[in-house]
């Protein structure tokens, strides 16, 4: 354990941030899977919008790279456009 007061605080804040990032990353993966699994065009479009928002949030936080988010959004959009 750290000895300095500021180091102790960093340990606490780092742990809180780690748990928050873990939750966001988990939600992100779930939303992407839902969007990929959608079968109807309307449902897929709705899930794509949700996934886009989550991807942008994750990229904003630095959880994933912005180009990673762009690539995922592009792939999902292509998949939705292929549906009838």
PDB file of N, CA and C in Angstrom:
ATOM      1  N   UNK A   1       0.838  -1.187   0.000  1.00  0.00           N
ATOM      2  CA  UNK A   1       0.000   0.000   0.000  1.00  0.00           C
ATOM      3  C   UNK A   1       0.879   1.245   0.000  1.00  0.00           C
ATOM      4  N   UNK A   2       0.387   2.323  -0.587  1.00  0.00           N
ATOM      5  CA  UNK A   2       1.159   3.563  -0.629  1.00  0.00           C
ATOM      6  C   UNK A   2       1.234   4.236   0.751  1.00  0.00           C
ATOM      7  N   UNK A   3       2.255   5.018   0.919  1.00  0.00           N
ATOM      8  CA  UNK A   3       2.458   5.717   2.191  1.00  0.00           C
ATOM      9  C   UNK A   3       1.974   7.166   2.142  1.00  0.00           C
ATOM     10  N   UNK A   4       2.067   7.792   0.989  1.00  0.00           N
ATOM     11  CA  UNK A   4       1.667   9.191   0.864  1.00  0.00           C
ATOM     12  C   UNK A   4       0.156   9.314   0.746  1.00  0.00           C
ATOM     13  N   UNK A   5      -0.359  10.404   1.271  1.00  0.00           N
ATOM     14  CA  UNK A   5      -1.797  10.648   1.250  1.00  0.00           C
ATOM     15  C   UNK A   5      -2.313  10.741  -0.199  1.00  0.00           C
ATOM     16  N   UNK A   6      -1.568  11.445  -1.043  1.00  0.00           N
ATOM     17  CA  UNK A   6      -2.004  11.618  -2.432  1.00  0.00           C
ATOM     18  C   UNK A   6      -1.980  10.286  -3.184  1.00  0.00           C
ATOM     19  N   UNK A   7      -1.025   9.433  -2.849  1.00  0.00           N
ATOM     20  CA  UNK A   7      -0.948   8.114  -3.491  1.00  0.00           C
ATOM     21  C   UNK A   7      -2.121   7.236  -3.079  1.00  0.00           C
ATOM     22  N   UNK A   8      -2.522   7.353  -1.819  1.00  0.00           N
ATOM     23  CA  UNK A   8      -3.681   6.585  -1.341  1.00  0.00           C
ATOM     24  C   UNK A   8      -4.942   7.019  -2.082  1.00  0.00           C
ATOM     25  N   UNK A   9      -5.058   8.332  -2.298  1.00  0.00           N
ATOM     26  CA  UNK A   9      -6.215   8.853  -3.018  1.00  0.00           C
ATOM     27  C   UNK A   9      -6.204   8.343  -4.470  1.00  0.00           C
ATOM     28  N   UNK A  10      -5.023   8.324  -5.089  1.00  0.00           N
ATOM     29  CA  UNK A  10      -4.923   7.843  -6.460  1.00  0.00           C
ATOM     30  C   UNK A  10      -5.349   6.381  -6.571  1.00  0.00           C
ATOM     31  N   UNK A  11      -5.005   5.586  -5.577  1.00  0.00           N
ATOM     32  CA  UNK A  11      -5.404   4.173  -5.579  1.00  0.00           C
ATOM     33  C   UNK A  11      -6.926   4.062  -5.574  1.00  0.00           C
ATOM     34  N   UNK A  12      -7.566   4.867  -4.735  1.00  0.00           N
ATOM     35  CA  UNK A  12      -9.035   4.831  -4.654  1.00  0.00           C
ATOM     36  C   UNK A  12      -9.676   5.302  -5.954  1.00  0.00           C
ATOM     37  N   UNK A  13      -9.196   6.437  -6.469  1.00  0.00           N
ATOM     38  CA  UNK A  13      -9.805   6.977  -7.683  1.00  0.00           C
ATOM     39  C   UNK A  13      -9.540   6.078  -8.888  1.00  0.00           C
ATOM     40  N   UNK A  14      -8.347   5.479  -8.927  1.00  0.00           N
ATOM     41  CA  UNK A  14      -8.019   4.571 -10.032  1.00  0.00           C
ATOM     42  C   UNK A  14      -8.945   3.361 -10.027  1.00  0.00           C
ATOM     43  N   UNK A  15      -9.239   2.860  -8.850  1.00  0.00           N
ATOM     44  CA  UNK A  15     -10.136   1.700  -8.729  1.00  0.00           C
ATOM     45  C   UNK A  15     -11.553   2.058  -9.182  1.00  0.00           C
ATOM     46  N   UNK A  16     -12.031   3.241  -8.778  1.00  0.00           N
ATOM     47  CA  UNK A  16     -13.367   3.685  -9.209  1.00  0.00           C
ATOM     48  C   UNK A  16     -13.422   3.816 -10.726  1.00  0.00           C
ATOM     49  N   UNK A  17     -12.384   4.425 -11.288  1.00  0.00           N
ATOM     50  CA  UNK A  17     -12.323   4.630 -12.733  1.00  0.00           C
ATOM     51  C   UNK A  17     -12.250   3.298 -13.474  1.00  0.00           C
ATOM     52  N   UNK A  18     -11.477   2.355 -12.934  1.00  0.00           N
ATOM     53  CA  UNK A  18     -11.348   1.036 -13.548  1.00  0.00           C
ATOM     54  C   UNK A  18     -12.697   0.335 -13.614  1.00  0.00           C
ATOM     55  N   UNK A  19     -13.457   0.399 -12.514  1.00  0.00           N
ATOM     56  CA  UNK A  19     -14.773  -0.243 -12.484  1.00  0.00           C
ATOM     57  C   UNK A  19     -15.748   0.428 -13.451  1.00  0.00           C
ATOM     58  N   UNK A  20     -15.676   1.756 -13.532  1.00  0.00           N
ATOM     59  CA  UNK A  20     -16.546   2.488 -14.448  1.00  0.00           C
ATOM     60  C   UNK A  20     -16.206   2.136 -15.897  1.00  0.00           C
ATOM     61  N   UNK A  21     -14.915   2.112 -16.215  1.00  0.00           N
ATOM     62  CA  UNK A  21     -14.480   1.754 -17.573  1.00  0.00           C
ATOM     63  C   UNK A  21     -14.901   0.335 -17.928  1.00  0.00           C
ATOM     64  N   UNK A  22     -14.809  -0.559 -16.953  1.00  0.00           N
ATOM     65  CA  UNK A  22     -15.198  -1.953 -17.170  1.00  0.00           C
ATOM     66  C   UNK A  22     -16.688  -2.053 -17.513  1.00  0.00           C
ATOM     67  N   UNK A  23     -17.499  -1.293 -16.792  1.00  0.00           N
ATOM     68  CA  UNK A  23     -18.943  -1.298 -17.044  1.00  0.00           C
ATOM     69  C   UNK A  23     -19.262  -0.733 -18.421  1.00  0.00           C
ATOM     70  N   UNK A  24     -18.596   0.352 -18.778  1.00  0.00           N
ATOM     71  CA  UNK A  24     -18.832   0.974 -20.084  1.00  0.00           C
ATOM     72  C   UNK A  24     -18.408   0.042 -21.208  1.00  0.00           C
ATOM     73  N   UNK A  25     -17.247  -0.597 -21.046  1.00  0.00           N
ATOM     74  CA  UNK A  25     -16.754  -1.527 -22.071  1.00  0.00           C
ATOM     75  C   UNK A  25     -17.693  -2.724 -22.218  1.00  0.00           C
ATOM     76  N   UNK A  26     -18.215  -3.214 -21.105  1.00  0.00           N
ATOM     77  CA  UNK A  26     -19.146  -4.336 -21.118  1.00  0.00           C
ATOM     78  C   UNK A  26     -20.431  -3.949 -21.851  1.00  0.00           C
ATOM     79  N   UNK A  27     -20.952  -2.762 -21.543  1.00  0.00           N
ATOM     80  CA  UNK A  27     -22.169  -2.257 -22.191  1.00  0.00           C
ATOM     81  C   UNK A  27     -21.933  -2.088 -23.693  1.00  0.00           C
ATOM     82  N   UNK A  28     -20.760  -1.603 -24.021  1.00  0.00           N
ATOM     83  CA  UNK A  28     -20.401  -1.387 -25.425  1.00  0.00           C
ATOM     84  C   UNK A  28     -20.432  -2.698 -26.204  1.00  0.00           C
ATOM     85  N   UNK A  29     -19.808  -3.718 -25.640  1.00  0.00           N
ATOM     86  CA  UNK A  29     -19.790  -5.035 -26.303  1.00  0.00           C
ATOM     87  C   UNK A  29     -21.204  -5.588 -26.472  1.00  0.00           C
ATOM     88  N   UNK A  30     -22.024  -5.426 -25.443  1.00  0.00           N
ATOM     89  CA  UNK A  30     -23.398  -5.939 -25.485  1.00  0.00           C
ATOM     90  C   UNK A  30     -24.208  -5.240 -26.572  1.00  0.00           C
ATOM     91  N   UNK A  31     -24.090  -3.931 -26.672  1.00  0.00           N
ATOM     92  CA  UNK A  31     -24.851  -3.161 -27.656  1.00  0.00           C
ATOM     93  C   UNK A  31     -24.420  -3.533 -29.074  1.00  0.00           C
ATOM     94  N   UNK A  32     -23.127  -3.733 -29.269  1.00  0.00           N
ATOM     95  CA  UNK A  32     -22.625  -4.117 -30.599  1.00  0.00           C
ATOM     96  C   UNK A  32     -23.176  -5.490 -30.985  1.00  0.00           C
ATOM     97  N   UNK A  33     -23.175  -6.422 -30.043  1.00  0.00           N
ATOM     98  CA  UNK A  33     -23.707  -7.760 -30.322  1.00  0.00           C
ATOM     99  C   UNK A  33     -25.199  -7.708 -30.652  1.00  0.00           C
ATOM    100  N   UNK A  34     -25.944  -6.862 -29.923  1.00  0.00           N
ATOM    101  CA  UNK A  34     -27.381  -6.711 -30.194  1.00  0.00           C
ATOM    102  C   UNK A  34     -27.599  -6.165 -31.599  1.00  0.00           C
ATOM    103  N   UNK A  35     -26.788  -5.196 -31.982  1.00  0.00           N
ATOM    104  CA  UNK A  35     -26.923  -4.599 -33.317  1.00  0.00           C
ATOM    105  C   UNK A  35     -26.603  -5.626 -34.402  1.00  0.00           C
ATOM    106  N   UNK A  36     -25.614  -6.459 -34.168  1.00  0.00           N
ATOM    107  CA  UNK A  36     -25.247  -7.477 -35.144  1.00  0.00           C
ATOM    108  C   UNK A  36     -26.309  -8.571 -35.245  1.00  0.00           C
ATOM    109  N   UNK A  37     -26.990  -8.841 -34.130  1.00  0.00           N
ATOM    110  CA  UNK A  37     -27.968  -9.927 -34.094  1.00  0.00           C
ATOM    111  C   UNK A  37     -29.344  -9.515 -34.623  1.00  0.00           C
ATOM    112  N   UNK A  38     -29.580  -8.228 -34.783  1.00  0.00           N
ATOM    113  CA  UNK A  38     -30.889  -7.744 -35.232  1.00  0.00           C
ATOM    114  C   UNK A  38     -31.199  -8.295 -36.621  1.00  0.00           C
ATOM    115  N   UNK A  39     -32.462  -8.684 -36.810  1.00  0.00           N
ATOM    116  CA  UNK A  39     -32.852  -9.309 -38.073  1.00  0.00           C
ATOM    117  C   UNK A  39     -33.666  -8.386 -38.976  1.00  0.00           C
ATOM    118  N   UNK A  40     -34.551  -7.588 -38.408  1.00  0.00           N
ATOM    119  CA  UNK A  40     -35.350  -6.694 -39.244  1.00  0.00           C
ATOM    120  C   UNK A  40     -34.635  -5.355 -39.432  1.00  0.00           C
ATOM    121  N   UNK A  41     -34.919  -4.700 -40.526  1.00  0.00           N
ATOM    122  CA  UNK A  41     -34.264  -3.430 -40.865  1.00  0.00           C
ATOM    123  C   UNK A  41     -34.535  -2.355 -39.812  1.00  0.00           C
ATOM    124  N   UNK A  42     -35.793  -2.269 -39.361  1.00  0.00           N
ATOM    125  CA  UNK A  42     -36.165  -1.234 -38.390  1.00  0.00           C
ATOM    126  C   UNK A  42     -35.459  -1.466 -37.051  1.00  0.00           C
ATOM    127  N   UNK A  43     -35.488  -2.698 -36.609  1.00  0.00           N
ATOM    128  CA  UNK A  43     -34.847  -3.047 -35.342  1.00  0.00           C
ATOM    129  C   UNK A  43     -33.334  -2.801 -35.427  1.00  0.00           C
ATOM    130  N   UNK A  44     -32.745  -3.192 -36.547  1.00  0.00           N
ATOM    131  CA  UNK A  44     -31.304  -3.037 -36.739  1.00  0.00           C
ATOM    132  C   UNK A  44     -30.917  -1.555 -36.758  1.00  0.00           C
ATOM    133  N   UNK A  45     -31.747  -0.731 -37.377  1.00  0.00           N
ATOM    134  CA  UNK A  45     -31.465   0.705 -37.433  1.00  0.00           C
ATOM    135  C   UNK A  45     -31.509   1.315 -36.032  1.00  0.00           C
ATOM    136  N   UNK A  46     -32.463   0.862 -35.236  1.00  0.00           N
ATOM    137  CA  UNK A  46     -32.580   1.354 -33.859  1.00  0.00           C
ATOM    138  C   UNK A  46     -31.356   0.935 -33.033  1.00  0.00           C
ATOM    139  N   UNK A  47     -30.960  -0.310 -33.182  1.00  0.00           N
ATOM    140  CA  UNK A  47     -29.790  -0.825 -32.445  1.00  0.00           C
ATOM    141  C   UNK A  47     -28.505  -0.156 -32.927  1.00  0.00           C
ATOM    142  N   UNK A  48     -28.451   0.165 -34.220  1.00  0.00           N
ATOM    143  CA  UNK A  48     -27.279   0.855 -34.771  1.00  0.00           C
ATOM    144  C   UNK A  48     -27.121   2.231 -34.130  1.00  0.00           C
ATOM    145  N   UNK A  49     -28.230   2.915 -33.943  1.00  0.00           N
ATOM    146  CA  UNK A  49     -28.186   4.247 -33.321  1.00  0.00           C
ATOM    147  C   UNK A  49     -27.650   4.146 -31.890  1.00  0.00           C
ATOM    148  N   UNK A  50     -28.128   3.158 -31.139  1.00  0.00           N
ATOM    149  CA  UNK A  50     -27.657   2.942 -29.766  1.00  0.00           C
ATOM    150  C   UNK A  50     -26.161   2.627 -29.755  1.00  0.00           C
ATOM    151  N   UNK A  51     -25.754   1.755 -30.660  1.00  0.00           N
ATOM    152  CA  UNK A  51     -24.348   1.352 -30.722  1.00  0.00           C
ATOM    153  C   UNK A  51     -23.454   2.535 -31.085  1.00  0.00           C
ATOM    154  N   UNK A  52     -23.930   3.372 -32.001  1.00  0.00           N
ATOM    155  CA  UNK A  52     -23.171   4.555 -32.407  1.00  0.00           C
ATOM    156  C   UNK A  52     -22.936   5.486 -31.224  1.00  0.00           C
ATOM    157  N   UNK A  53     -23.969   5.685 -30.428  1.00  0.00           N
ATOM    158  CA  UNK A  53     -23.851   6.549 -29.250  1.00  0.00           C
ATOM    159  C   UNK A  53     -22.843   5.975 -28.261  1.00  0.00           C
ATOM    160  N   UNK A  54     -22.950   4.692 -27.991  1.00  0.00           N
ATOM    161  CA  UNK A  54     -22.037   4.045 -27.044  1.00  0.00           C
ATOM    162  C   UNK A  54     -20.593   4.063 -27.554  1.00  0.00           C
ATOM    163  N   UNK A  55     -20.408   3.829 -28.846  1.00  0.00           N
ATOM    164  CA  UNK A  55     -19.065   3.854 -29.423  1.00  0.00           C
ATOM    165  C   UNK A  55     -18.450   5.249 -29.312  1.00  0.00           C
ATOM    166  N   UNK A  56     -19.257   6.269 -29.586  1.00  0.00           N
ATOM    167  CA  UNK A  56     -18.764   7.646 -29.481  1.00  0.00           C
ATOM    168  C   UNK A  56     -18.389   7.995 -28.043  1.00  0.00           C
ATOM    169  N   UNK A  57     -19.203   7.559 -27.095  1.00  0.00           N
ATOM    170  CA  UNK A  57     -18.898   7.816 -25.681  1.00  0.00           C
ATOM    171  C   UNK A  57     -17.592   7.151 -25.265  1.00  0.00           C
ATOM    172  N   UNK A  58     -17.424   5.897 -25.689  1.00  0.00           N
ATOM    173  CA  UNK A  58     -16.214   5.156 -25.334  1.00  0.00           C
ATOM    174  C   UNK A  58     -14.981   5.809 -25.959  1.00  0.00           C
ATOM    175  N   UNK A  59     -15.117   6.288 -27.194  1.00  0.00           N
ATOM    176  CA  UNK A  59     -13.999   6.943 -27.869  1.00  0.00           C
ATOM    177  C   UNK A  59     -13.682   8.276 -27.187  1.00  0.00           C
ATOM    178  N   UNK A  60     -14.704   8.971 -26.760  1.00  0.00           N
ATOM    179  CA  UNK A  60     -14.532  10.254 -26.064  1.00  0.00           C
ATOM    180  C   UNK A  60     -13.770  10.062 -24.755  1.00  0.00           C
ATOM    181  N   UNK A  61     -14.078   9.020 -24.047  1.00  0.00           N
ATOM    182  CA  UNK A  61     -13.421   8.725 -22.768  1.00  0.00           C
ATOM    183  C   UNK A  61     -12.000   8.215 -22.940  1.00  0.00           C
ATOM    184  N   UNK A  62     -11.658   7.804 -24.176  1.00  0.00           N
ATOM    185  CA  UNK A  62     -10.336   7.239 -24.413  1.00  0.00           C
ATOM    186  C   UNK A  62     -10.307   5.746 -24.126  1.00  0.00           C
ATOM    187  N   UNK A  63     -11.485   5.168 -23.986  1.00  0.00           N
ATOM    188  CA  UNK A  63     -11.587   3.739 -23.710  1.00  0.00           C
ATOM    189  C   UNK A  63     -11.201   2.922 -24.946  1.00  0.00           C
ATOM    190  N   UNK A  64     -11.593   3.424 -26.105  1.00  0.00           N
ATOM    191  CA  UNK A  64     -11.169   2.843 -27.378  1.00  0.00           C
ATOM    192  C   UNK A  64     -10.689   3.996 -28.256  1.00  0.00           C
ATOM    193  N   UNK A  65      -9.923   3.686 -29.274  1.00  0.00           N
ATOM    194  CA  UNK A  65      -9.416   4.712 -30.180  1.00  0.00           C
ATOM    195  C   UNK A  65     -10.552   5.211 -31.060  1.00  0.00           C
ATOM    196  N   UNK A  66     -10.476   6.476 -31.462  1.00  0.00           N
ATOM    197  CA  UNK A  66     -11.567   7.041 -32.262  1.00  0.00           C
ATOM    198  C   UNK A  66     -11.705   6.353 -33.620  1.00  0.00           C
ATOM    199  N   UNK A  67     -10.586   5.871 -34.164  1.00  0.00           N
ATOM    200  CA  UNK A  67     -10.667   5.163 -35.446  1.00  0.00           C
ATOM    201  C   UNK A  67     -11.264   3.775 -35.269  1.00  0.00           C
ATOM    202  N   UNK A  68     -11.061   3.187 -34.103  1.00  0.00           N
ATOM    203  CA  UNK A  68     -11.682   1.903 -33.774  1.00  0.00           C
ATOM    204  C   UNK A  68     -13.205   2.095 -33.737  1.00  0.00           C
ATOM    205  N   UNK A  69     -13.643   3.182 -33.120  1.00  0.00           N
ATOM    206  CA  UNK A  69     -15.077   3.480 -33.053  1.00  0.00           C
ATOM    207  C   UNK A  69     -15.639   3.697 -34.455  1.00  0.00           C
ATOM    208  N   UNK A  70     -14.920   4.448 -35.274  1.00  0.00           N
ATOM    209  CA  UNK A  70     -15.371   4.732 -36.635  1.00  0.00           C
ATOM    210  C   UNK A  70     -15.485   3.447 -37.444  1.00  0.00           C
ATOM    211  N   UNK A  71     -14.497   2.568 -37.294  1.00  0.00           N
ATOM    212  CA  UNK A  71     -14.506   1.298 -38.023  1.00  0.00           C
ATOM    213  C   UNK A  71     -15.694   0.437 -37.620  1.00  0.00           C
ATOM    214  N   UNK A  72     -15.959   0.368 -36.320  1.00  0.00           N
ATOM    215  CA  UNK A  72     -17.094  -0.418 -35.830  1.00  0.00           C
ATOM    216  C   UNK A  72     -18.418   0.153 -36.321  1.00  0.00           C
ATOM    217  N   UNK A  73     -18.558   1.466 -36.292  1.00  0.00           N
ATOM    218  CA  UNK A  73     -19.798   2.102 -36.764  1.00  0.00           C
ATOM    219  C   UNK A  73     -19.999   1.825 -38.249  1.00  0.00           C
ATOM    220  N   UNK A  74     -18.927   1.894 -39.006  1.00  0.00           N
ATOM    221  CA  UNK A  74     -19.003   1.654 -40.445  1.00  0.00           C
ATOM    222  C   UNK A  74     -19.432   0.217 -40.744  1.00  0.00           C
ATOM    223  N   UNK A  75     -18.830  -0.723 -40.038  1.00  0.00           N
ATOM    224  CA  UNK A  75     -19.177  -2.136 -40.243  1.00  0.00           C
ATOM    225  C   UNK A  75     -20.634  -2.409 -39.894  1.00  0.00           C
ATOM    226  N   UNK A  76     -21.080  -1.838 -38.788  1.00  0.00           N
ATOM    227  CA  UNK A  76     -22.479  -2.038 -38.378  1.00  0.00           C
ATOM    228  C   UNK A  76     -23.436  -1.407 -39.386  1.00  0.00           C
ATOM    229  N   UNK A  77     -23.089  -0.227 -39.886  1.00  0.00           N
ATOM    230  CA  UNK A  77     -23.943   0.458 -40.860  1.00  0.00           C
ATOM    231  C   UNK A  77     -24.058  -0.364 -42.144  1.00  0.00           C
ATOM    232  N   UNK A  78     -22.936  -0.928 -42.589  1.00  0.00           N
ATOM    233  CA  UNK A  78     -22.973  -1.777 -43.789  1.00  0.00           C
ATOM    234  C   UNK A  78     -23.862  -2.987 -43.573  1.00  0.00           C
ATOM    235  N   UNK A  79     -23.764  -3.569 -42.395  1.00  0.00           N
ATOM    236  CA  UNK A  79     -24.569  -4.754 -42.067  1.00  0.00           C
ATOM    237  C   UNK A  79     -26.067  -4.402 -42.075  1.00  0.00           C
ATOM    238  N   UNK A  80     -26.411  -3.241 -41.514  1.00  0.00           N
ATOM    239  CA  UNK A  80     -27.813  -2.809 -41.468  1.00  0.00           C
ATOM    240  C   UNK A  80     -28.319  -2.533 -42.871  1.00  0.00           C
ATOM    241  N   UNK A  81     -27.509  -1.912 -43.699  1.00  0.00           N
ATOM    242  CA  UNK A  81     -27.915  -1.580 -45.070  1.00  0.00           C
ATOM    243  C   UNK A  81     -28.118  -2.815 -45.933  1.00  0.00           C
ATOM    244  N   UNK A  82     -27.460  -3.919 -45.594  1.00  0.00           N
ATOM    245  CA  UNK A  82     -27.627  -5.159 -46.357  1.00  0.00           C
ATOM    246  C   UNK A  82     -28.982  -5.817 -46.080  1.00  0.00           C
ATOM    247  N   UNK A  83     -29.548  -5.542 -44.890  1.00  0.00           N
ATOM    248  CA  UNK A  83     -30.827  -6.176 -44.524  1.00  0.00           C
ATOM    249  C   UNK A  83     -31.956  -5.675 -45.397  1.00  0.00           C
ATOM    250  N   UNK A  84     -32.963  -6.534 -45.568  1.00  0.00           N
ATOM    251  CA  UNK A  84     -34.152  -6.179 -46.361  1.00  0.00           C
ATOM    252  C   UNK A  84     -35.310  -5.805 -45.482  1.00  0.00           C
TER     253      UNK A  84
END
